[in-house]
Amino acid sequence: MFQFFLTAAFSYLLGSIPFGYVLLRIFRGQDVRQTGSGNIGATNVARSSPALGILTLLLDALKGAAAVAVTRALFPDPMMLAAVAALFAILGHIFPVWLRFRGGKGVATGLGSFLMLAPKIVLIALGIFVVMVFAFRYVSLASIVTVALFPLLAWLLKAYGNTPMVLVFMAAASALIIGKHRDNIRRLHAGTEPHFQWRRG
């Protein structure tokens, strides 16, 4: 139980580092929460600066991967606790204590976390994501579909270490990310969701 709480606390705090907010504040003097969608994630940061958007994506993914990697290095039951680390890193990104629990949507942090848990599934999921973005030009739609499919793909391809609770944690993480896209889902249904476009800067 101690290992569970230690993993959860460490992963949450690591996941709660708001890289998008910090980078745009330092290099552009802007509050990312006051621009575009108001989200602190890479997609919204990229609307102000593509370069910072890419860096945000990498750092947000890295903190998810680091949470899982550190957990695996410290504890003898890596798959189970690694799934806990992934879930709480995503929770930290979505509900960061530093920004009054108003964070991002968890896609990049989920990507980094899942990459450490089930790398083959992530490669398949990335392929689905890229195809959908090019086909429809909706990052939100591609993210929702990809995240929704991840636990199913992990189950079908048995990429969960034969531990059913790992699937439960994966599904919970996916549900959190999809839940944060509820406004996007409404706009997609209404036909008002904007297509993603890169801007120079």
C-alpha atoms as a PDB file:
ATOM      1  CA  MET A   1       0.000   0.000   0.000  1.00  0.00           C
ATOM      2  CA  PHE A   2       2.902   2.345   0.790  1.00  0.00           C
ATOM      3  CA  GLN A   3       4.315   1.735  -2.673  1.00  0.00           C
ATOM      4  CA  PHE A   4       0.951   2.561  -4.234  1.00  0.00           C
ATOM      5  CA  PHE A   5       0.632   5.906  -2.422  1.00  0.00           C
ATOM      6  CA  LEU A   6       4.263   6.830  -3.038  1.00  0.00           C
ATOM      7  CA  THR A   7       3.892   6.060  -6.745  1.00  0.00           C
ATOM      8  CA  ALA A   8       0.621   7.958  -6.972  1.00  0.00           C
ATOM      9  CA  ALA A   9       1.974  11.057  -5.186  1.00  0.00           C
ATOM     10  CA  PHE A  10       5.240  11.195  -7.111  1.00  0.00           C
ATOM     11  CA  SER A  11       3.563  10.628 -10.463  1.00  0.00           C
ATOM     12  CA  TYR A  12       0.863  13.214  -9.779  1.00  0.00           C
ATOM     13  CA  LEU A  13       3.410  15.894  -8.852  1.00  0.00           C
ATOM     14  CA  LEU A  14       5.559  15.093 -11.868  1.00  0.00           C
ATOM     15  CA  GLY A  15       2.554  15.119 -14.171  1.00  0.00           C
ATOM     16  CA  SER A  16       1.341  18.418 -12.738  1.00  0.00           C
ATOM     17  CA  ILE A  17       4.338  20.413 -14.042  1.00  0.00           C
ATOM     18  CA  PRO A  18       2.624  22.821 -16.511  1.00  0.00           C
ATOM     19  CA  PHE A  19       5.264  22.997 -19.233  1.00  0.00           C
ATOM     20  CA  GLY A  20       2.992  24.720 -21.770  1.00  0.00           C
ATOM     21  CA  TYR A  21       2.139  27.479 -19.314  1.00  0.00           C
ATOM     22  CA  VAL A  22       5.774  27.956 -18.236  1.00  0.00           C
ATOM     23  CA  LEU A  23       7.254  27.972 -21.755  1.00  0.00           C
ATOM     24  CA  LEU A  24       4.819  30.475 -23.217  1.00  0.00           C
ATOM     25  CA  ARG A  25       5.164  32.701 -20.151  1.00  0.00           C
ATOM     26  CA  ILE A  26       8.973  32.695 -20.348  1.00  0.00           C
ATOM     27  CA  PHE A  27       9.490  33.022 -24.110  1.00  0.00           C
ATOM     28  CA  ARG A  28       6.421  34.997 -25.180  1.00  0.00           C
ATOM     29  CA  GLY A  29       5.300  36.710 -22.008  1.00  0.00           C
ATOM     30  CA  GLN A  30       1.828  35.254 -22.575  1.00  0.00           C
ATOM     31  CA  ASP A  31      -0.566  33.344 -20.367  1.00  0.00           C
ATOM     32  CA  VAL A  32      -1.563  30.349 -22.474  1.00  0.00           C
ATOM     33  CA  ARG A  33      -4.841  30.196 -20.557  1.00  0.00           C
ATOM     34  CA  GLN A  34      -5.801  33.550 -22.100  1.00  0.00           C
ATOM     35  CA  THR A  35      -5.152  32.521 -25.724  1.00  0.00           C
ATOM     36  CA  GLY A  36      -6.927  30.191 -28.135  1.00  0.00           C
ATOM     37  CA  SER A  37      -8.830  27.472 -26.331  1.00  0.00           C
ATOM     38  CA  GLY A  38      -7.325  28.407 -22.958  1.00  0.00           C
ATOM     39  CA  ASN A  39      -5.781  24.948 -22.669  1.00  0.00           C
ATOM     40  CA  ILE A  40      -2.195  24.562 -21.400  1.00  0.00           C
ATOM     41  CA  GLY A  41      -1.391  21.708 -23.788  1.00  0.00           C
ATOM     42  CA  ALA A  42       0.769  21.538 -26.897  1.00  0.00           C
ATOM     43  CA  THR A  43      -2.017  22.166 -29.422  1.00  0.00           C
ATOM     44  CA  ASN A  44      -2.976  25.489 -27.882  1.00  0.00           C
ATOM     45  CA  VAL A  45       0.640  26.528 -27.295  1.00  0.00           C
ATOM     46  CA  ALA A  46       1.353  25.798 -30.973  1.00  0.00           C
ATOM     47  CA  ARG A  47      -1.280  28.354 -31.990  1.00  0.00           C
ATOM     48  CA  SER A  48       1.034  31.031 -30.581  1.00  0.00           C
ATOM     49  CA  SER A  49       4.343  29.340 -31.373  1.00  0.00           C
ATOM     50  CA  PRO A  50       4.752  26.061 -33.292  1.00  0.00           C
ATOM     51  CA  ALA A  51       8.254  25.606 -31.886  1.00  0.00           C
ATOM     52  CA  LEU A  52       7.073  25.962 -28.307  1.00  0.00           C
ATOM     53  CA  GLY A  53       4.134  23.719 -29.127  1.00  0.00           C
ATOM     54  CA  ILE A  54       6.477  20.944 -30.204  1.00  0.00           C
ATOM     55  CA  LEU A  55       8.646  21.451 -27.119  1.00  0.00           C
ATOM     56  CA  THR A  56       5.544  21.338 -24.904  1.00  0.00           C
ATOM     57  CA  LEU A  57       4.455  18.109 -26.576  1.00  0.00           C
ATOM     58  CA  LEU A  58       7.847  16.513 -25.957  1.00  0.00           C
ATOM     59  CA  LEU A  59       8.090  17.649 -22.337  1.00  0.00           C
ATOM     60  CA  ASP A  60       4.526  16.658 -21.498  1.00  0.00           C
ATOM     61  CA  ALA A  61       5.161  13.224 -23.005  1.00  0.00           C
ATOM     62  CA  LEU A  62       8.487  12.977 -21.193  1.00  0.00           C
ATOM     63  CA  LYS A  63       6.960  13.568 -17.760  1.00  0.00           C
ATOM     64  CA  GLY A  64       4.494  10.736 -18.364  1.00  0.00           C
ATOM     65  CA  ALA A  65       7.276   8.434 -19.527  1.00  0.00           C
ATOM     66  CA  ALA A  66       9.474   9.449 -16.584  1.00  0.00           C
ATOM     67  CA  ALA A  67       6.746   8.670 -14.049  1.00  0.00           C
ATOM     68  CA  VAL A  68       6.472   5.124 -15.375  1.00  0.00           C
ATOM     69  CA  ALA A  69      10.241   4.658 -15.836  1.00  0.00           C
ATOM     70  CA  VAL A  70      11.093   5.753 -12.286  1.00  0.00           C
ATOM     71  CA  THR A  71       8.377   3.517 -10.852  1.00  0.00           C
ATOM     72  CA  ARG A  72       9.671   0.520 -12.767  1.00  0.00           C
ATOM     73  CA  ALA A  73      13.214   1.216 -11.553  1.00  0.00           C
ATOM     74  CA  LEU A  74      12.192   1.460  -7.898  1.00  0.00           C
ATOM     75  CA  PHE A  75       9.630  -1.280  -7.350  1.00  0.00           C
ATOM     76  CA  PRO A  76       9.595  -5.032  -7.997  1.00  0.00           C
ATOM     77  CA  ASP A  77       6.050  -5.199  -9.409  1.00  0.00           C
ATOM     78  CA  PRO A  78       6.613  -2.867 -12.367  1.00  0.00           C
ATOM     79  CA  MET A  79       3.571  -3.524 -14.534  1.00  0.00           C
ATOM     80  CA  MET A  80       0.922  -2.938 -11.892  1.00  0.00           C
ATOM     81  CA  LEU A  81       2.543   0.094 -10.284  1.00  0.00           C
ATOM     82  CA  ALA A  82       3.623   1.402 -13.678  1.00  0.00           C
ATOM     83  CA  ALA A  83      -0.039   1.558 -14.667  1.00  0.00           C
ATOM     84  CA  VAL A  84      -0.737   3.472 -11.437  1.00  0.00           C
ATOM     85  CA  ALA A  85       2.085   5.876 -12.329  1.00  0.00           C
ATOM     86  CA  ALA A  86       0.629   6.432 -15.791  1.00  0.00           C
ATOM     87  CA  LEU A  87      -2.841   7.164 -14.435  1.00  0.00           C
ATOM     88  CA  PHE A  88      -1.641   9.621 -11.794  1.00  0.00           C
ATOM     89  CA  ALA A  89       0.760  11.402 -14.150  1.00  0.00           C
ATOM     90  CA  ILE A  90      -2.224  12.030 -16.436  1.00  0.00           C
ATOM     91  CA  LEU A  91      -4.305  13.141 -13.434  1.00  0.00           C
ATOM     92  CA  GLY A  92      -1.544  15.582 -12.512  1.00  0.00           C
ATOM     93  CA  HIS A  93      -1.507  17.082 -15.988  1.00  0.00           C
ATOM     94  CA  ILE A  94      -5.277  17.411 -16.158  1.00  0.00           C
ATOM     95  CA  PHE A  95      -5.667  18.720 -12.584  1.00  0.00           C
ATOM     96  CA  PRO A  96      -2.391  20.466 -11.640  1.00  0.00           C
ATOM     97  CA  VAL A  97      -2.312  21.823  -8.099  1.00  0.00           C
ATOM     98  CA  TRP A  98      -0.179  24.768  -9.280  1.00  0.00           C
ATOM     99  CA  LEU A  99      -2.886  26.113 -11.612  1.00  0.00           C
ATOM    100  CA  ARG A 100      -5.903  25.609  -9.342  1.00  0.00           C
ATOM    101  CA  PHE A 101      -6.518  22.181 -10.880  1.00  0.00           C
ATOM    102  CA  ARG A 102      -7.121  23.633 -14.371  1.00  0.00           C
ATOM    103  CA  GLY A 103      -4.743  21.837 -16.677  1.00  0.00           C
ATOM    104  CA  GLY A 104      -4.523  20.230 -20.076  1.00  0.00           C
ATOM    105  CA  LYS A 105      -6.295  17.320 -21.683  1.00  0.00           C
ATOM    106  CA  GLY A 106      -3.665  14.702 -20.954  1.00  0.00           C
ATOM    107  CA  VAL A 107      -3.024  13.413 -24.477  1.00  0.00           C
ATOM    108  CA  ALA A 108       0.745  13.989 -24.602  1.00  0.00           C
ATOM    109  CA  THR A 109       1.280  12.839 -21.014  1.00  0.00           C
ATOM    110  CA  GLY A 110      -0.823   9.782 -21.770  1.00  0.00           C
ATOM    111  CA  LEU A 111       1.278   9.160 -24.865  1.00  0.00           C
ATOM    112  CA  GLY A 112       4.498   9.168 -22.861  1.00  0.00           C
ATOM    113  CA  SER A 113       3.023   6.994 -20.129  1.00  0.00           C
ATOM    114  CA  PHE A 114       1.493   4.470 -22.506  1.00  0.00           C
ATOM    115  CA  LEU A 115       4.692   4.348 -24.544  1.00  0.00           C
ATOM    116  CA  MET A 116       6.455   2.917 -21.499  1.00  0.00           C
ATOM    117  CA  LEU A 117       3.587   0.529 -20.724  1.00  0.00           C
ATOM    118  CA  ALA A 118       2.824  -0.831 -24.193  1.00  0.00           C
ATOM    119  CA  PRO A 119       5.152   0.564 -26.890  1.00  0.00           C
ATOM    120  CA  LYS A 120       3.773  -1.587 -29.719  1.00  0.00           C
ATOM    121  CA  ILE A 121       0.241  -0.384 -29.045  1.00  0.00           C
ATOM    122  CA  VAL A 122       1.439   3.231 -29.034  1.00  0.00           C
ATOM    123  CA  LEU A 123       2.955   2.781 -32.497  1.00  0.00           C
ATOM    124  CA  ILE A 124      -0.368   1.495 -33.802  1.00  0.00           C
ATOM    125  CA  ALA A 125      -2.224   4.304 -32.014  1.00  0.00           C
ATOM    126  CA  LEU A 126       0.110   6.941 -33.452  1.00  0.00           C
ATOM    127  CA  GLY A 127      -0.551   5.598 -36.930  1.00  0.00           C
ATOM    128  CA  ILE A 128      -4.298   5.931 -36.327  1.00  0.00           C
ATOM    129  CA  PHE A 129      -3.821   9.456 -34.955  1.00  0.00           C
ATOM    130  CA  VAL A 130      -1.738  10.689 -37.898  1.00  0.00           C
ATOM    131  CA  VAL A 131      -4.127   9.240 -40.469  1.00  0.00           C
ATOM    132  CA  MET A 132      -7.100  10.868 -38.779  1.00  0.00           C
ATOM    133  CA  VAL A 133      -5.422  14.273 -38.479  1.00  0.00           C
ATOM    134  CA  PHE A 134      -4.468  14.274 -42.163  1.00  0.00           C
ATOM    135  CA  ALA A 135      -7.890  12.981 -43.201  1.00  0.00           C
ATOM    136  CA  PHE A 136     -10.089  15.249 -41.067  1.00  0.00           C
ATOM    137  CA  ARG A 137      -7.771  17.992 -39.697  1.00  0.00           C
ATOM    138  CA  TYR A 138      -9.314  17.687 -36.251  1.00  0.00           C
ATOM    139  CA  VAL A 139      -6.686  17.055 -33.594  1.00  0.00           C
ATOM    140  CA  SER A 140      -9.440  16.617 -31.014  1.00  0.00           C
ATOM    141  CA  LEU A 141     -11.235  13.924 -33.013  1.00  0.00           C
ATOM    142  CA  ALA A 142      -7.990  12.065 -33.677  1.00  0.00           C
ATOM    143  CA  SER A 143      -7.071  12.265 -29.987  1.00  0.00           C
ATOM    144  CA  ILE A 144     -10.454  11.023 -28.785  1.00  0.00           C
ATOM    145  CA  VAL A 145     -10.584   8.062 -31.170  1.00  0.00           C
ATOM    146  CA  THR A 146      -6.966   7.071 -30.543  1.00  0.00           C
ATOM    147  CA  VAL A 147      -7.291   7.251 -26.764  1.00  0.00           C
ATOM    148  CA  ALA A 148     -10.579   5.336 -26.824  1.00  0.00           C
ATOM    149  CA  LEU A 149      -9.016   2.533 -28.859  1.00  0.00           C
ATOM    150  CA  PHE A 150      -5.903   2.155 -26.719  1.00  0.00           C
ATOM    151  CA  PRO A 151      -7.284  -0.110 -23.935  1.00  0.00           C
ATOM    152  CA  LEU A 152      -9.108  -2.189 -26.550  1.00  0.00           C
ATOM    153  CA  LEU A 153      -5.923  -2.643 -28.583  1.00  0.00           C
ATOM    154  CA  ALA A 154      -3.969  -3.504 -25.434  1.00  0.00           C
ATOM    155  CA  TRP A 155      -6.551  -6.161 -24.583  1.00  0.00           C
ATOM    156  CA  LEU A 156      -6.733  -7.617 -28.097  1.00  0.00           C
ATOM    157  CA  LEU A 157      -2.949  -7.810 -28.440  1.00  0.00           C
ATOM    158  CA  LYS A 158      -2.434  -8.880 -24.805  1.00  0.00           C
ATOM    159  CA  ALA A 159      -0.142  -5.925 -24.065  1.00  0.00           C
ATOM    160  CA  TYR A 160      -1.069  -5.589 -20.403  1.00  0.00           C
ATOM    161  CA  GLY A 161       1.186  -8.125 -18.714  1.00  0.00           C
ATOM    162  CA  ASN A 162      -1.696 -10.565 -18.113  1.00  0.00           C
ATOM    163  CA  THR A 163      -2.782  -8.290 -15.250  1.00  0.00           C
ATOM    164  CA  PRO A 164      -6.440  -7.265 -15.614  1.00  0.00           C
ATOM    165  CA  MET A 165      -6.030  -4.305 -13.253  1.00  0.00           C
ATOM    166  CA  VAL A 166      -3.547  -2.789 -15.696  1.00  0.00           C
ATOM    167  CA  LEU A 167      -6.340  -2.697 -18.264  1.00  0.00           C
ATOM    168  CA  VAL A 168      -8.584  -1.074 -15.669  1.00  0.00           C
ATOM    169  CA  PHE A 169      -6.022   1.691 -15.060  1.00  0.00           C
ATOM    170  CA  MET A 170      -5.530   2.143 -18.817  1.00  0.00           C
ATOM    171  CA  ALA A 171      -9.272   2.426 -19.324  1.00  0.00           C
ATOM    172  CA  ALA A 172      -9.565   4.914 -16.445  1.00  0.00           C
ATOM    173  CA  ALA A 173      -6.794   7.062 -17.940  1.00  0.00           C
ATOM    174  CA  SER A 174      -8.477   6.950 -21.346  1.00  0.00           C
ATOM    175  CA  ALA A 175     -11.816   7.922 -19.826  1.00  0.00           C
ATOM    176  CA  LEU A 176     -10.216  10.904 -18.079  1.00  0.00           C
ATOM    177  CA  ILE A 177      -8.669  12.167 -21.307  1.00  0.00           C
ATOM    178  CA  ILE A 178     -11.889  11.704 -23.276  1.00  0.00           C
ATOM    179  CA  GLY A 179     -13.839  13.450 -20.518  1.00  0.00           C
ATOM    180  CA  LYS A 180     -11.571  16.485 -20.848  1.00  0.00           C
ATOM    181  CA  HIS A 181     -12.573  16.623 -24.523  1.00  0.00           C
ATOM    182  CA  ARG A 182     -16.284  16.995 -23.766  1.00  0.00           C
ATOM    183  CA  ASP A 183     -16.420  20.538 -25.195  1.00  0.00           C
ATOM    184  CA  ASN A 184     -14.683  19.325 -28.349  1.00  0.00           C
ATOM    185  CA  ILE A 185     -17.182  16.491 -28.628  1.00  0.00           C
ATOM    186  CA  ARG A 186     -20.054  18.980 -28.434  1.00  0.00           C
ATOM    187  CA  ARG A 187     -18.475  21.169 -31.122  1.00  0.00           C
ATOM    188  CA  LEU A 188     -17.737  18.188 -33.342  1.00  0.00           C
ATOM    189  CA  HIS A 189     -21.363  17.119 -33.052  1.00  0.00           C
ATOM    190  CA  ALA A 190     -22.524  20.654 -33.856  1.00  0.00           C
ATOM    191  CA  GLY A 191     -20.064  21.045 -36.735  1.00  0.00           C
ATOM    192  CA  THR A 192     -18.379  24.057 -35.121  1.00  0.00           C
ATOM    193  CA  GLU A 193     -15.055  22.505 -34.087  1.00  0.00           C
ATOM    194  CA  PRO A 194     -12.261  24.479 -35.830  1.00  0.00           C
ATOM    195  CA  HIS A 195      -9.770  22.670 -38.023  1.00  0.00           C
ATOM    196  CA  PHE A 196      -6.240  22.740 -36.698  1.00  0.00           C
ATOM    197  CA  GLN A 197      -3.843  25.060 -38.527  1.00  0.00           C
ATOM    198  CA  TRP A 198      -0.227  25.837 -37.786  1.00  0.00           C
ATOM    199  CA  ARG A 199       0.773  29.472 -37.512  1.00  0.00           C
ATOM    200  CA  ARG A 200       4.180  30.906 -37.997  1.00  0.00           C
ATOM    201  CA  GLY A 201       5.922  32.263 -34.963  1.00  0.00           C
END
